[in-house]
Amino acid sequence: MTILRKCNKTGYEFGINGDGNLYLCNEDSGYNLSDTPENRKKIERDFEKYTQPDSKIFYAVTSTFYDDGRVTAVITDSVEAETRPENGSSEKSNRDIYTDWFDTPEEAVKFVQEAQEA
């Protein structure tokens, strides 16, 4: 095993495991990827994200409720910030549009599913 970077503050490290794959982990969880230039960039981005606790990624869902009863909802954006962006809404002649921000992609996906079932 070769450790390429380690953060003592957060416990995260990434490197190359005994099978020659890239890994990123802490004491609680982690993942492996094959060693390619693209995956090295992904691991490095994730390492930076997880070792900078003051910033977080938030996920936006845009929901559109049409006057005829149709509903669409999709994850439309993600931003890295210290605080969650404010939710918003707008009214158009035949629809209302809402943007809701979530702390995790799982929460955003759940909201999309629930909105589409409305």
C-alpha atoms as a PDB file:
ATOM      1  CA  MET A   1       0.000   0.000   0.000  1.00  0.00           C
ATOM      2  CA  THR A   2       1.238   3.466  -0.902  1.00  0.00           C
ATOM      3  CA  ILE A   3      -0.276   6.515   0.794  1.00  0.00           C
ATOM      4  CA  LEU A   4      -0.234   9.479  -1.576  1.00  0.00           C
ATOM      5  CA  ARG A   5      -1.927  12.042   0.699  1.00  0.00           C
ATOM      6  CA  LYS A   6      -3.167  11.987   4.270  1.00  0.00           C
ATOM      7  CA  CYS A   7      -5.071  14.496   6.409  1.00  0.00           C
ATOM      8  CA  ASN A   8      -4.420  13.922  10.116  1.00  0.00           C
ATOM      9  CA  LYS A   9      -7.191  16.357  11.062  1.00  0.00           C
ATOM     10  CA  THR A  10     -10.010  14.457   9.296  1.00  0.00           C
ATOM     11  CA  GLY A  11      -8.456  10.991   9.084  1.00  0.00           C
ATOM     12  CA  TYR A  12      -8.853  10.799   5.299  1.00  0.00           C
ATOM     13  CA  GLU A  13      -6.151   9.358   3.109  1.00  0.00           C
ATOM     14  CA  PHE A  14      -5.819   8.272  -0.471  1.00  0.00           C
ATOM     15  CA  GLY A  15      -3.299   6.154  -2.243  1.00  0.00           C
ATOM     16  CA  ILE A  16      -2.738   2.899  -4.068  1.00  0.00           C
ATOM     17  CA  ASN A  17      -3.754  -0.350  -2.382  1.00  0.00           C
ATOM     18  CA  GLY A  18      -2.086  -3.762  -2.667  1.00  0.00           C
ATOM     19  CA  ASP A  19      -4.156  -4.607  -5.772  1.00  0.00           C
ATOM     20  CA  GLY A  20      -2.886  -1.514  -7.611  1.00  0.00           C
ATOM     21  CA  ASN A  21      -6.206   0.316  -7.298  1.00  0.00           C
ATOM     22  CA  LEU A  22      -6.712   3.829  -6.009  1.00  0.00           C
ATOM     23  CA  TYR A  23      -8.471   4.200  -2.684  1.00  0.00           C
ATOM     24  CA  LEU A  24      -9.919   7.011  -0.572  1.00  0.00           C
ATOM     25  CA  CYS A  25     -10.939   6.258   2.998  1.00  0.00           C
ATOM     26  CA  ASN A  26     -11.221   7.290   6.607  1.00  0.00           C
ATOM     27  CA  GLU A  27     -11.947   5.164   9.680  1.00  0.00           C
ATOM     28  CA  ASP A  28     -15.647   4.828   8.775  1.00  0.00           C
ATOM     29  CA  SER A  29     -15.814   4.287   5.023  1.00  0.00           C
ATOM     30  CA  GLY A  30     -14.056   4.486   1.698  1.00  0.00           C
ATOM     31  CA  TYR A  31     -14.015   3.405  -1.911  1.00  0.00           C
ATOM     32  CA  ASN A  32     -11.680   1.999  -4.576  1.00  0.00           C
ATOM     33  CA  LEU A  33     -11.255   2.897  -8.237  1.00  0.00           C
ATOM     34  CA  SER A  34      -9.020   1.547 -10.959  1.00  0.00           C
ATOM     35  CA  ASP A  35      -5.856   3.632 -11.381  1.00  0.00           C
ATOM     36  CA  THR A  36      -6.523   5.896 -14.377  1.00  0.00           C
ATOM     37  CA  PRO A  37      -5.757   9.605 -14.863  1.00  0.00           C
ATOM     38  CA  GLU A  38      -9.485  10.438 -14.659  1.00  0.00           C
ATOM     39  CA  ASN A  39      -9.925   8.466 -11.429  1.00  0.00           C
ATOM     40  CA  ARG A  40      -6.849  10.104  -9.887  1.00  0.00           C
ATOM     41  CA  LYS A  41      -8.467  13.492 -10.528  1.00  0.00           C
ATOM     42  CA  LYS A  42     -11.734  12.275  -8.972  1.00  0.00           C
ATOM     43  CA  ILE A  43      -9.967  10.917  -5.883  1.00  0.00           C
ATOM     44  CA  GLU A  44      -7.997  14.158  -5.488  1.00  0.00           C
ATOM     45  CA  ARG A  45     -11.195  16.256  -5.802  1.00  0.00           C
ATOM     46  CA  ASP A  46     -12.988  14.064  -3.261  1.00  0.00           C
ATOM     47  CA  PHE A  47     -10.020  14.190  -0.899  1.00  0.00           C
ATOM     48  CA  GLU A  48     -10.047  18.001  -1.053  1.00  0.00           C
ATOM     49  CA  LYS A  49     -13.818  18.048  -0.517  1.00  0.00           C
ATOM     50  CA  TYR A  50     -13.707  15.774   2.520  1.00  0.00           C
ATOM     51  CA  THR A  51     -10.672  17.372   4.144  1.00  0.00           C
ATOM     52  CA  GLN A  52     -12.020  20.919   4.011  1.00  0.00           C
ATOM     53  CA  PRO A  53     -14.773  20.694   6.635  1.00  0.00           C
ATOM     54  CA  ASP A  54     -15.771  24.368   6.367  1.00  0.00           C
ATOM     55  CA  SER A  55     -17.222  23.877   2.905  1.00  0.00           C
ATOM     56  CA  LYS A  56     -19.929  21.497   1.832  1.00  0.00           C
ATOM     57  CA  ILE A  57     -21.675  20.558  -1.391  1.00  0.00           C
ATOM     58  CA  PHE A  58     -25.374  21.386  -1.637  1.00  0.00           C
ATOM     59  CA  TYR A  59     -27.759  20.026  -4.276  1.00  0.00           C
ATOM     60  CA  ALA A  60     -30.572  21.937  -5.987  1.00  0.00           C
ATOM     61  CA  VAL A  61     -33.830  20.410  -7.164  1.00  0.00           C
ATOM     62  CA  THR A  62     -35.967  22.428  -9.563  1.00  0.00           C
ATOM     63  CA  SER A  63     -39.626  21.429  -9.462  1.00  0.00           C
ATOM     64  CA  THR A  64     -42.167  22.711 -11.949  1.00  0.00           C
ATOM     65  CA  PHE A  65     -45.883  22.451 -11.219  1.00  0.00           C
ATOM     66  CA  TYR A  66     -47.958  23.120 -14.335  1.00  0.00           C
ATOM     67  CA  ASP A  67     -51.525  24.419 -14.243  1.00  0.00           C
ATOM     68  CA  ASP A  68     -52.687  21.308 -16.126  1.00  0.00           C
ATOM     69  CA  GLY A  69     -51.437  19.065 -13.268  1.00  0.00           C
ATOM     70  CA  ARG A  70     -48.132  17.918 -14.733  1.00  0.00           C
ATOM     71  CA  VAL A  71     -45.111  17.944 -12.433  1.00  0.00           C
ATOM     72  CA  THR A  72     -41.425  17.771 -13.290  1.00  0.00           C
ATOM     73  CA  ALA A  73     -38.563  17.647 -10.816  1.00  0.00           C
ATOM     74  CA  VAL A  74     -34.861  17.246 -11.506  1.00  0.00           C
ATOM     75  CA  ILE A  75     -31.560  17.847  -9.748  1.00  0.00           C
ATOM     76  CA  THR A  76     -30.304  20.925 -11.581  1.00  0.00           C
ATOM     77  CA  ASP A  77     -27.262  22.205  -9.722  1.00  0.00           C
ATOM     78  CA  SER A  78     -24.703  21.653  -7.015  1.00  0.00           C
ATOM     79  CA  VAL A  79     -22.552  24.237  -5.294  1.00  0.00           C
ATOM     80  CA  GLU A  80     -19.758  24.129  -2.778  1.00  0.00           C
ATOM     81  CA  ALA A  81     -20.399  26.627   0.003  1.00  0.00           C
ATOM     82  CA  GLU A  82     -20.205  27.094   3.761  1.00  0.00           C
ATOM     83  CA  THR A  83     -23.973  27.554   4.084  1.00  0.00           C
ATOM     84  CA  ARG A  84     -26.931  26.193   2.160  1.00  0.00           C
ATOM     85  CA  PRO A  85     -28.259  28.554  -0.543  1.00  0.00           C
ATOM     86  CA  GLU A  86     -31.759  29.938  -0.058  1.00  0.00           C
ATOM     87  CA  ASN A  87     -34.701  28.149  -1.641  1.00  0.00           C
ATOM     88  CA  GLY A  88     -36.536  30.123  -4.291  1.00  0.00           C
ATOM     89  CA  SER A  89     -39.655  30.218  -6.406  1.00  0.00           C
ATOM     90  CA  SER A  90     -41.147  32.003  -9.386  1.00  0.00           C
ATOM     91  CA  GLU A  91     -44.532  32.124 -11.059  1.00  0.00           C
ATOM     92  CA  LYS A  92     -45.082  31.945 -14.805  1.00  0.00           C
ATOM     93  CA  SER A  93     -48.331  32.182 -16.736  1.00  0.00           C
ATOM     94  CA  ASN A  94     -48.893  28.407 -16.795  1.00  0.00           C
ATOM     95  CA  ARG A  95     -46.608  27.038 -14.061  1.00  0.00           C
ATOM     96  CA  ASP A  96     -44.926  27.598 -10.708  1.00  0.00           C
ATOM     97  CA  ILE A  97     -41.199  26.849 -10.409  1.00  0.00           C
ATOM     98  CA  TYR A  98     -39.455  26.043  -7.128  1.00  0.00           C
ATOM     99  CA  THR A  99     -35.796  25.543  -6.341  1.00  0.00           C
ATOM    100  CA  ASP A 100     -35.042  23.638  -3.136  1.00  0.00           C
ATOM    101  CA  TRP A 101     -31.542  22.989  -1.795  1.00  0.00           C
ATOM    102  CA  PHE A 102     -30.465  19.786  -0.014  1.00  0.00           C
ATOM    103  CA  ASP A 103     -27.461  18.696   2.035  1.00  0.00           C
ATOM    104  CA  THR A 104     -26.989  15.316   0.349  1.00  0.00           C
ATOM    105  CA  PRO A 105     -27.660  13.852  -3.087  1.00  0.00           C
ATOM    106  CA  GLU A 106     -29.805  11.177  -1.416  1.00  0.00           C
ATOM    107  CA  GLU A 107     -32.135  13.824   0.047  1.00  0.00           C
ATOM    108  CA  ALA A 108     -32.365  15.504  -3.372  1.00  0.00           C
ATOM    109  CA  VAL A 109     -33.210  12.224  -5.123  1.00  0.00           C
ATOM    110  CA  LYS A 110     -35.885  11.430  -2.537  1.00  0.00           C
ATOM    111  CA  PHE A 111     -37.446  14.869  -3.021  1.00  0.00           C
ATOM    112  CA  VAL A 112     -37.477  14.388  -6.820  1.00  0.00           C
ATOM    113  CA  GLN A 113     -39.240  11.051  -6.438  1.00  0.00           C
ATOM    114  CA  GLU A 114     -41.816  12.450  -4.039  1.00  0.00           C
ATOM    115  CA  ALA A 115     -42.507  15.487  -6.252  1.00  0.00           C
ATOM    116  CA  GLN A 116     -43.021  13.296  -9.315  1.00  0.00           C
ATOM    117  CA  GLU A 117     -45.539  11.203  -7.376  1.00  0.00           C
ATOM    118  CA  ALA A 118     -47.515  14.291  -6.279  1.00  0.00           C
END
